[in-house]
PDB file of N, CA and C in Angstrom:
ATOM      1  N   MET A   1      86.504-150.595  18.665  1.00  0.00           N
ATOM      2  CA  MET A   1      85.065-150.747  18.722  1.00  0.00           C
ATOM      3  C   MET A   1      84.493-149.709  19.678  1.00  0.00           C
ATOM      4  N   ARG A   2      83.361-149.167  19.330  1.00  0.00           N
ATOM      5  CA  ARG A   2      82.719-148.138  20.150  1.00  0.00           C
ATOM      6  C   ARG A   2      81.643-148.769  21.025  1.00  0.00           C
ATOM      7  N   PRO A   3      81.382-148.185  22.179  1.00  0.00           N
ATOM      8  CA  PRO A   3      80.325-148.713  23.041  1.00  0.00           C
ATOM      9  C   PRO A   3      78.974-148.721  22.333  1.00  0.00           C
ATOM     10  N   ARG A   4      78.170-149.717  22.661  1.00  0.00           N
ATOM     11  CA  ARG A   4      76.814-149.804  22.120  1.00  0.00           C
ATOM     12  C   ARG A   4      75.920-148.824  22.861  1.00  0.00           C
ATOM     13  N   SER A   5      74.825-148.472  22.252  1.00  0.00           N
ATOM     14  CA  SER A   5      73.911-147.540  22.887  1.00  0.00           C
ATOM     15  C   SER A   5      72.902-148.251  23.789  1.00  0.00           C
ATOM     16  N   GLU A   6      72.789-149.574  23.673  1.00  0.00           N
ATOM     17  CA  GLU A   6      71.878-150.298  24.536  1.00  0.00           C
ATOM     18  C   GLU A   6      72.650-151.342  25.339  1.00  0.00           C
ATOM     19  N   PRO A   7      72.184-151.674  26.536  1.00  0.00           N
ATOM     20  CA  PRO A   7      72.887-152.650  27.365  1.00  0.00           C
ATOM     21  C   PRO A   7      72.919-154.027  26.710  1.00  0.00           C
ATOM     22  N   VAL A   8      74.018-154.720  26.889  1.00  0.00           N
ATOM     23  CA  VAL A   8      74.185-156.070  26.387  1.00  0.00           C
ATOM     24  C   VAL A   8      74.130-157.044  27.560  1.00  0.00           C
ATOM     25  N   TYR A   9      74.422-156.564  28.730  1.00  0.00           N
ATOM     26  CA  TYR A   9      74.505-157.371  29.933  1.00  0.00           C
ATOM     27  C   TYR A   9      73.468-156.887  30.954  1.00  0.00           C
ATOM     28  N   PRO A  10      73.143-157.740  31.928  1.00  0.00           N
ATOM     29  CA  PRO A  10      72.263-157.287  33.004  1.00  0.00           C
ATOM     30  C   PRO A  10      72.998-156.287  33.895  1.00  0.00           C
ATOM     31  N   VAL A  11      72.268-155.661  34.797  1.00  0.00           N
ATOM     32  CA  VAL A  11      72.893-154.770  35.770  1.00  0.00           C
ATOM     33  C   VAL A  11      73.817-155.619  36.635  1.00  0.00           C
ATOM     34  N   CYS A  12      75.042-155.150  36.830  1.00  0.00           N
ATOM     35  CA  CYS A  12      76.029-155.879  37.630  1.00  0.00           C
ATOM     36  C   CYS A  12      76.459-155.016  38.806  1.00  0.00           C
ATOM     37  N   THR A  13      76.756-155.653  39.918  1.00  0.00           N
ATOM     38  CA  THR A  13      77.295-154.950  41.070  1.00  0.00           C
ATOM     39  C   THR A  13      78.685-155.513  41.356  1.00  0.00           C
ATOM     40  N   PHE A  14      79.668-154.626  41.423  1.00  0.00           N
ATOM     41  CA  PHE A  14      81.045-155.006  41.680  1.00  0.00           C
ATOM     42  C   PHE A  14      81.459-154.454  43.039  1.00  0.00           C
ATOM     43  N   GLN A  15      82.066-155.311  43.849  1.00  0.00           N
ATOM     44  CA  GLN A  15      82.562-154.859  45.143  1.00  0.00           C
ATOM     45  C   GLN A  15      83.799-153.992  44.929  1.00  0.00           C
ATOM     46  N   GLU A  16      84.107-153.172  45.899  1.00  0.00           N
ATOM     47  CA  GLU A  16      85.212-152.215  45.786  1.00  0.00           C
ATOM     48  C   GLU A  16      86.526-152.876  45.380  1.00  0.00           C
ATOM     49  N   ALA A  17      86.799-154.061  45.869  1.00  0.00           N
ATOM     50  CA  ALA A  17      88.055-154.753  45.552  1.00  0.00           C
ATOM     51  C   ALA A  17      88.085-155.301  44.132  1.00  0.00           C
ATOM     52  N   ASP A  18      86.936-155.326  43.453  1.00  0.00           N
ATOM     53  CA  ASP A  18      86.847-155.927  42.125  1.00  0.00           C
ATOM     54  C   ASP A  18      86.817-154.925  40.982  1.00  0.00           C
ATOM     55  N   TYR A  19      86.960-153.640  41.291  1.00  0.00           N
ATOM     56  CA  TYR A  19      87.051-152.642  40.220  1.00  0.00           C
ATOM     57  C   TYR A  19      88.029-151.556  40.633  1.00  0.00           C
ATOM     58  N   ARG A  20      88.511-150.832  39.633  1.00  0.00           N
ATOM     59  CA  ARG A  20      89.417-149.712  39.862  1.00  0.00           C
ATOM     60  C   ARG A  20      88.825-148.517  39.155  1.00  0.00           C
ATOM     61  N   PHE A  21      88.712-147.478  39.642  1.00  0.00           N
ATOM     62  CA  PHE A  21      89.034-146.906  40.937  1.00  0.00           C
ATOM     63  C   PHE A  21      87.776-146.274  41.483  1.00  0.00           C
ATOM     64  N   GLY A  22      87.529-146.422  42.757  1.00  0.00           N
ATOM     65  CA  GLY A  22      86.337-145.883  43.371  1.00  0.00           C
ATOM     66  C   GLY A  22      86.202-146.393  44.787  1.00  0.00           C
ATOM     67  N   ALA A  23      85.153-145.973  45.448  1.00  0.00           N
ATOM     68  CA  ALA A  23      84.911-146.375  46.829  1.00  0.00           C
ATOM     69  C   ALA A  23      83.512-146.967  46.940  1.00  0.00           C
ATOM     70  N   GLY A  24      83.404-148.087  47.623  1.00  0.00           N
ATOM     71  CA  GLY A  24      82.121-148.743  47.800  1.00  0.00           C
ATOM     72  C   GLY A  24      81.740-149.564  46.586  1.00  0.00           C
ATOM     73  N   PRO A  25      80.612-150.268  46.660  1.00  0.00           N
ATOM     74  CA  PRO A  25      80.160-151.079  45.526  1.00  0.00           C
ATOM     75  C   PRO A  25      79.833-150.215  44.306  1.00  0.00           C
ATOM     76  N   LEU A  26      80.054-150.776  43.136  1.00  0.00           N
ATOM     77  CA  LEU A  26      79.735-150.113  41.872  1.00  0.00           C
ATOM     78  C   LEU A  26      78.636-150.915  41.191  1.00  0.00           C
ATOM     79  N   ARG A  27      77.509-150.275  40.938  1.00  0.00           N
ATOM     80  CA  ARG A  27      76.372-150.916  40.264  1.00  0.00           C
ATOM     81  C   ARG A  27      76.256-150.284  38.880  1.00  0.00           C
ATOM     82  N   MET A  28      76.339-151.123  37.837  1.00  0.00           N
ATOM     83  CA  MET A  28      76.341-150.611  36.464  1.00  0.00           C
ATOM     84  C   MET A  28      75.530-151.477  35.526  1.00  0.00           C
ATOM     85  N   THR A  29      74.951-150.826  34.539  1.00  0.00           N
ATOM     86  CA  THR A  29      74.434-151.511  33.368  1.00  0.00           C
ATOM     87  C   THR A  29      75.570-151.460  32.357  1.00  0.00           C
ATOM     88  N   ILE A  30      76.150-152.590  32.062  1.00  0.00           N
ATOM     89  CA  ILE A  30      77.311-152.639  31.164  1.00  0.00           C
ATOM     90  C   ILE A  30      76.842-152.578  29.719  1.00  0.00           C
ATOM     91  N   GLU A  31      77.434-151.656  28.964  1.00  0.00           N
ATOM     92  CA  GLU A  31      77.123-151.523  27.541  1.00  0.00           C
ATOM     93  C   GLU A  31      78.239-152.067  26.662  1.00  0.00           C
ATOM     94  N   TYR A  32      79.456-152.127  27.212  1.00  0.00           N
ATOM     95  CA  TYR A  32      80.604-152.528  26.396  1.00  0.00           C
ATOM     96  C   TYR A  32      81.714-153.042  27.296  1.00  0.00           C
ATOM     97  N   VAL A  33      82.323-154.141  26.890  1.00  0.00           N
ATOM     98  CA  VAL A  33      83.524-154.665  27.544  1.00  0.00           C
ATOM     99  C   VAL A  33      84.606-154.708  26.480  1.00  0.00           C
ATOM    100  N   ASP A  34      85.756-154.142  26.773  1.00  0.00           N
ATOM    101  CA  ASP A  34      86.868-154.141  25.817  1.00  0.00           C
ATOM    102  C   ASP A  34      87.641-155.457  25.945  1.00  0.00           C
ATOM    103  N   TRP A  35      87.034-156.528  25.408  1.00  0.00           N
ATOM    104  CA  TRP A  35      87.630-157.860  25.508  1.00  0.00           C
ATOM    105  C   TRP A  35      88.976-157.955  24.796  1.00  0.00           C
ATOM    106  N   SER A  36      89.234-157.104  23.832  1.00  0.00           N
ATOM    107  CA  SER A  36      90.458-157.207  23.027  1.00  0.00           C
ATOM    108  C   SER A  36      91.686-156.593  23.694  1.00  0.00           C
ATOM    109  N   HIS A  37      91.505-155.924  24.839  1.00  0.00           N
ATOM    110  CA  HIS A  37      92.646-155.297  25.508  1.00  0.00           C
ATOM    111  C   HIS A  37      92.670-155.617  27.001  1.00  0.00           C
ATOM    112  N   PRO A  38      92.967-156.880  27.347  1.00  0.00           N
ATOM    113  CA  PRO A  38      93.051-157.212  28.769  1.00  0.00           C
ATOM    114  C   PRO A  38      94.212-156.475  29.423  1.00  0.00           C
ATOM    115  N   VAL A  39      94.071-156.201  30.705  1.00  0.00           N
ATOM    116  CA  VAL A  39      95.103-155.498  31.477  1.00  0.00           C
ATOM    117  C   VAL A  39      95.538-156.413  32.608  1.00  0.00           C
ATOM    118  N   GLN A  40      96.837-156.545  32.809  1.00  0.00           N
ATOM    119  CA  GLN A  40      97.359-157.314  33.934  1.00  0.00           C
ATOM    120  C   GLN A  40      97.565-156.360  35.103  1.00  0.00           C
ATOM    121  N   TYR A  41      96.918-156.669  36.227  1.00  0.00           N
ATOM    122  CA  TYR A  41      96.986-155.819  37.417  1.00  0.00           C
ATOM    123  C   TYR A  41      96.867-156.739  38.621  1.00  0.00           C
ATOM    124  N   ASP A  42      97.739-156.589  39.594  1.00  0.00           N
ATOM    125  CA  ASP A  42      97.732-157.454  40.781  1.00  0.00           C
ATOM    126  C   ASP A  42      97.767-158.936  40.404  1.00  0.00           C
ATOM    127  N   SER A  43      98.540-159.279  39.385  1.00  0.00           N
ATOM    128  CA  SER A  43      98.691-160.659  38.908  1.00  0.00           C
ATOM    129  C   SER A  43      97.378-161.281  38.423  1.00  0.00           C
ATOM    130  N   GLU A  44      96.437-160.467  38.017  1.00  0.00           N
ATOM    131  CA  GLU A  44      95.163-160.945  37.483  1.00  0.00           C
ATOM    132  C   GLU A  44      94.827-160.182  36.203  1.00  0.00           C
ATOM    133  N   THR A  45      93.868-160.725  35.457  1.00  0.00           N
ATOM    134  CA  THR A  45      93.406-160.071  34.237  1.00  0.00           C
ATOM    135  C   THR A  45      92.196-159.209  34.559  1.00  0.00           C
ATOM    136  N   TRP A  46      92.206-157.994  34.028  1.00  0.00           N
ATOM    137  CA  TRP A  46      91.126-157.027  34.211  1.00  0.00           C
ATOM    138  C   TRP A  46      90.718-156.510  32.838  1.00  0.00           C
ATOM    139  N   TYR A  47      89.479-156.025  32.714  1.00  0.00           N
ATOM    140  CA  TYR A  47      88.990-155.448  31.457  1.00  0.00           C
ATOM    141  C   TYR A  47      88.322-154.106  31.722  1.00  0.00           C
ATOM    142  N   GLU A  48      88.457-153.206  30.757  1.00  0.00           N
ATOM    143  CA  GLU A  48      87.754-151.934  30.854  1.00  0.00           C
ATOM    144  C   GLU A  48      86.307-152.148  30.423  1.00  0.00           C
ATOM    145  N   ILE A  49      85.386-151.593  31.197  1.00  0.00           N
ATOM    146  CA  ILE A  49      83.969-151.635  30.852  1.00  0.00           C
ATOM    147  C   ILE A  49      83.442-150.215  30.731  1.00  0.00           C
ATOM    148  N   VAL A  50      82.381-150.067  29.959  1.00  0.00           N
ATOM    149  CA  VAL A  50      81.702-148.784  29.796  1.00  0.00           C
ATOM    150  C   VAL A  50      80.215-149.057  29.991  1.00  0.00           C
ATOM    151  N   GLY A  51      79.565-148.161  30.705  1.00  0.00           N
ATOM    152  CA  GLY A  51      78.133-148.342  30.910  1.00  0.00           C
ATOM    153  C   GLY A  51      77.541-147.184  31.679  1.00  0.00           C
ATOM    154  N   VAL A  52      76.397-147.449  32.311  1.00  0.00           N
ATOM    155  CA  VAL A  52      75.696-146.435  33.069  1.00  0.00           C
ATOM    156  C   VAL A  52      75.659-146.863  34.530  1.00  0.00           C
ATOM    157  N   GLU A  53      76.216-146.032  35.387  1.00  0.00           N
ATOM    158  CA  GLU A  53      76.211-146.309  36.817  1.00  0.00           C
ATOM    159  C   GLU A  53      74.809-146.056  37.361  1.00  0.00           C
ATOM    160  N   GLN A  54      74.407-146.878  38.328  1.00  0.00           N
ATOM    161  CA  GLN A  54      73.086-146.759  38.929  1.00  0.00           C
ATOM    162  C   GLN A  54      73.181-146.788  40.451  1.00  0.00           C
ATOM    163  N   THR A  55      72.210-146.173  41.086  1.00  0.00           N
ATOM    164  CA  THR A  55      72.103-146.262  42.541  1.00  0.00           C
ATOM    165  C   THR A  55      71.452-147.600  42.891  1.00  0.00           C
ATOM    166  N   GLU A  56      71.377-147.924  44.172  1.00  0.00           N
ATOM    167  CA  GLU A  56      70.731-149.161  44.611  1.00  0.00           C
ATOM    168  C   GLU A  56      69.250-149.202  44.248  1.00  0.00           C
ATOM    169  N   THR A  57      68.646-148.037  44.097  1.00  0.00           N
ATOM    170  CA  THR A  57      67.222-147.974  43.747  1.00  0.00           C
ATOM    171  C   THR A  57      66.986-147.972  42.238  1.00  0.00           C
ATOM    172  N   GLY A  58      68.066-148.008  41.438  1.00  0.00           N
ATOM    173  CA  GLY A  58      67.940-148.061  39.989  1.00  0.00           C
ATOM    174  C   GLY A  58      67.990-146.723  39.281  1.00  0.00           C
ATOM    175  N   ARG A  59      68.187-145.631  40.038  1.00  0.00           N
ATOM    176  CA  ARG A  59      68.298-144.310  39.410  1.00  0.00           C
ATOM    177  C   ARG A  59      69.641-144.221  38.691  1.00  0.00           C
ATOM    178  N   GLU A  60      69.622-143.720  37.454  1.00  0.00           N
ATOM    179  CA  GLU A  60      70.862-143.580  36.689  1.00  0.00           C
ATOM    180  C   GLU A  60      71.682-142.417  37.216  1.00  0.00           C
ATOM    181  N   VAL A  61      72.964-142.670  37.451  1.00  0.00           N
ATOM    182  CA  VAL A  61      73.888-141.646  37.926  1.00  0.00           C
ATOM    183  C   VAL A  61      74.573-140.980  36.742  1.00  0.00           C
ATOM    184  N   GLY A  62      74.933-141.772  35.739  1.00  0.00           N
ATOM    185  CA  GLY A  62      75.607-141.249  34.557  1.00  0.00           C
ATOM    186  C   GLY A  62      76.522-142.280  33.941  1.00  0.00           C
ATOM    187  N   ARG A  63      77.094-141.935  32.800  1.00  0.00           N
ATOM    188  CA  ARG A  63      78.017-142.840  32.107  1.00  0.00           C
ATOM    189  C   ARG A  63      79.287-142.993  32.907  1.00  0.00           C
ATOM    190  N   ARG A  64      79.890-144.178  32.803  1.00  0.00           N
ATOM    191  CA  ARG A  64      81.074-144.461  33.607  1.00  0.00           C
ATOM    192  C   ARG A  64      81.927-145.497  32.913  1.00  0.00           C
ATOM    193  N   ARG A  65      83.235-145.352  33.100  1.00  0.00           N
ATOM    194  CA  ARG A  65      84.219-146.346  32.678  1.00  0.00           C
ATOM    195  C   ARG A  65      84.830-146.910  33.942  1.00  0.00           C
ATOM    196  N   ALA A  66      85.197-148.173  33.907  1.00  0.00           N
ATOM    197  CA  ALA A  66      85.849-148.773  35.062  1.00  0.00           C
ATOM    198  C   ALA A  66      86.703-149.943  34.588  1.00  0.00           C
ATOM    199  N   LEU A  67      87.705-150.248  35.351  1.00  0.00           N
ATOM    200  CA  LEU A  67      88.543-151.414  35.118  1.00  0.00           C
ATOM    201  C   LEU A  67      88.068-152.476  36.100  1.00  0.00           C
ATOM    202  N   VAL A  68      87.627-153.635  35.577  1.00  0.00           N
ATOM    203  CA  VAL A  68      86.992-154.659  36.412  1.00  0.00           C
ATOM    204  C   VAL A  68      87.751-155.979  36.314  1.00  0.00           C
ATOM    205  N   ARG A  69      87.862-156.642  37.442  1.00  0.00           N
ATOM    206  CA  ARG A  69      88.498-157.957  37.523  1.00  0.00           C
ATOM    207  C   ARG A  69      87.746-158.934  36.600  1.00  0.00           C
ATOM    208  N   ALA A  70      88.481-159.636  35.737  1.00  0.00           N
ATOM    209  CA  ALA A  70      87.878-160.510  34.725  1.00  0.00           C
ATOM    210  C   ALA A  70      86.936-161.536  35.323  1.00  0.00           C
ATOM    211  N   ARG A  71      87.301-162.134  36.432  1.00  0.00           N
ATOM    212  CA  ARG A  71      86.466-163.201  36.996  1.00  0.00           C
ATOM    213  C   ARG A  71      85.133-162.698  37.548  1.00  0.00           C
ATOM    214  N   GLN A  72      84.956-161.394  37.641  1.00  0.00           N
ATOM    215  CA  GLN A  72      83.701-160.818  38.125  1.00  0.00           C
ATOM    216  C   GLN A  72      82.759-160.403  36.994  1.00  0.00           C
ATOM    217  N   LEU A  73      83.236-160.470  35.765  1.00  0.00           N
ATOM    218  CA  LEU A  73      82.410-160.078  34.613  1.00  0.00           C
ATOM    219  C   LEU A  73      81.494-161.203  34.174  1.00  0.00           C
ATOM    220  N   PRO A  74      80.306-160.861  33.650  1.00  0.00           N
ATOM    221  CA  PRO A  74      79.445-161.896  33.064  1.00  0.00           C
ATOM    222  C   PRO A  74      80.107-162.457  31.812  1.00  0.00           C
ATOM    223  N   SER A  75      79.671-163.611  31.360  1.00  0.00           N
ATOM    224  CA  SER A  75      80.223-164.219  30.155  1.00  0.00           C
ATOM    225  C   SER A  75      80.056-163.309  28.952  1.00  0.00           C
ATOM    226  N   ARG A  76      80.913-163.517  27.968  1.00  0.00           N
ATOM    227  CA  ARG A  76      80.784-162.759  26.723  1.00  0.00           C
ATOM    228  C   ARG A  76      79.476-163.103  26.045  1.00  0.00           C
ATOM    229  N   PRO A  77      78.785-162.095  25.493  1.00  0.00           N
ATOM    230  CA  PRO A  77      77.545-162.406  24.771  1.00  0.00           C
ATOM    231  C   PRO A  77      77.857-163.077  23.435  1.00  0.00           C
ATOM    232  N   LEU A  78      76.908-163.828  22.928  1.00  0.00           N
ATOM    233  CA  LEU A  78      77.080-164.423  21.606  1.00  0.00           C
ATOM    234  C   LEU A  78      76.926-163.331  20.552  1.00  0.00           C
ATOM    235  N   PRO A  79      77.689-163.442  19.434  1.00  0.00           N
ATOM    236  CA  PRO A  79      77.588-162.414  18.370  1.00  0.00           C
ATOM    237  C   PRO A  79      76.254-162.389  17.696  1.00  0.00           C
TER     238      PRO A  79
END
């Protein structure tokens, strides 16, 4: 499945310990979560997300992929 062109989820902020790889909090508008390919890391489930990274003021930084701890993700949207 390819990422959607419009956000499906609200803007989310992930703390440094809840995503791989980067430094400091990650603020993103999530466009796609790869629910079909969970990754086991540090004895937990993680998912790859794709979206647009934003600054604290809401300025778009650019497209970004990240691996995020499952328990920090918003619920799956309804089809």
